[in-house]
Amino acid sequence: MPRSDEIKAWIVRNFAPDVDPADLPDDYDLLASGLISSLSLVRLVSGLAAEFDVDIDAADLRPEYFRSVTSITEFVGAALQPQA
């Protein structure tokens, strides 16, 4: 399963259980729509860290990284890359 589908499924399972993951566009603005609030952003970040075994520090807590499935997928992919 592509990582974006895993992320989408996780978001739907935790924040929108009445939505089919296939109905959530990858570029849907999760923050502007209110699907992810400022309070649930903390839950999203901690859940992503646990689900994908990535370290997310305070410097990474930028809304643009968590605005859509696409931006989250890019962020997680970059976090999983070995550091040079």
Protein backbone atom coordinates (compact mmCIF):
# COMPACT_ATOMS: atom_id res chain seq x y z
CA MET A 1 0.00 0.00 0.00
CA PRO A 2 1.45 3.41 -0.91
CA ARG A 3 2.45 5.55 2.06
CA SER A 4 -0.09 8.23 1.07
CA ASP A 5 -2.88 5.64 1.32
CA GLU A 6 -1.62 4.56 4.75
CA ILE A 7 -1.59 8.18 5.92
CA LYS A 8 -5.02 8.83 4.48
CA ALA A 9 -6.41 5.72 6.17
CA TRP A 10 -4.87 6.77 9.49
CA ILE A 11 -6.35 10.28 9.22
CA VAL A 12 -9.79 8.97 8.36
CA ARG A 13 -9.69 6.35 11.11
CA ASN A 14 -8.71 8.93 13.73
CA PHE A 15 -10.47 12.11 12.61
CA ALA A 16 -13.25 11.28 10.13
CA PRO A 17 -14.47 7.71 10.64
CA ASP A 18 -17.59 8.37 8.56
CA VAL A 19 -15.49 9.19 5.46
CA ASP A 20 -14.22 6.61 3.00
CA PRO A 21 -10.46 7.11 2.56
CA ALA A 22 -10.95 7.01 -1.22
CA ASP A 23 -13.18 10.09 -0.91
CA LEU A 24 -10.47 12.18 0.77
CA PRO A 25 -8.43 13.96 -1.93
CA ASP A 26 -4.68 14.01 -1.33
CA ASP A 27 -4.64 17.80 -1.69
CA TYR A 28 -7.63 18.44 0.62
CA ASP A 29 -6.68 21.19 3.10
CA LEU A 30 -7.06 19.39 6.42
CA LEU A 31 -6.39 22.52 8.46
CA ALA A 32 -8.49 25.12 6.60
CA SER A 33 -11.41 22.70 6.44
CA GLY A 34 -11.31 22.14 10.19
CA LEU A 35 -10.88 18.39 9.85
CA ILE A 36 -7.62 18.84 11.78
CA SER A 37 -7.83 21.56 14.45
CA SER A 38 -4.92 23.09 16.30
CA LEU A 39 -5.60 20.69 19.17
CA SER A 40 -5.90 17.63 16.98
CA LEU A 41 -2.67 18.63 15.21
CA VAL A 42 -0.80 17.43 18.31
CA ARG A 43 -2.62 14.10 18.07
CA LEU A 44 -1.82 13.91 14.36
CA VAL A 45 1.88 14.56 14.91
CA SER A 46 2.22 12.06 17.75
CA GLY A 47 0.23 9.47 15.81
CA LEU A 48 2.37 9.88 12.70
CA ALA A 49 5.53 9.61 14.78
CA ALA A 50 4.33 6.34 16.28
CA GLU A 51 2.78 4.90 13.10
CA PHE A 52 5.78 5.55 10.86
CA ASP A 53 8.52 5.46 13.51
CA VAL A 54 9.80 8.95 12.72
CA ASP A 55 11.22 11.55 15.08
CA ILE A 56 9.35 14.83 14.91
CA ASP A 57 10.84 17.67 16.89
CA ALA A 58 9.57 21.15 17.64
CA ALA A 59 11.28 22.63 14.56
CA ASP A 60 9.15 20.32 12.40
CA LEU A 61 5.85 21.61 13.77
CA ARG A 62 5.00 23.82 10.82
CA PRO A 63 1.40 23.82 9.60
CA GLU A 64 2.51 23.57 5.96
CA TYR A 65 3.93 20.10 6.70
CA PHE A 66 0.56 18.82 7.91
CA ARG A 67 -1.89 20.69 5.67
CA SER A 68 -2.77 17.80 3.32
CA VAL A 69 -2.14 14.12 2.74
CA THR A 70 0.35 15.14 0.06
CA SER A 71 2.35 17.42 2.37
CA ILE A 72 2.26 14.84 5.19
CA THR A 73 3.46 12.11 2.81
CA GLU A 74 6.35 14.31 1.67
CA PHE A 75 7.23 15.18 5.27
CA VAL A 76 7.18 11.54 6.44
CA GLY A 77 9.19 10.47 3.37
CA ALA A 78 11.85 13.10 4.11
CA ALA A 79 11.92 12.15 7.80
CA LEU A 80 12.52 8.51 6.87
CA GLN A 81 15.50 9.34 4.63
CA PRO A 82 18.88 8.56 6.18
CA GLN A 83 20.66 11.70 7.32
CA ALA A 84 23.93 12.42 5.52
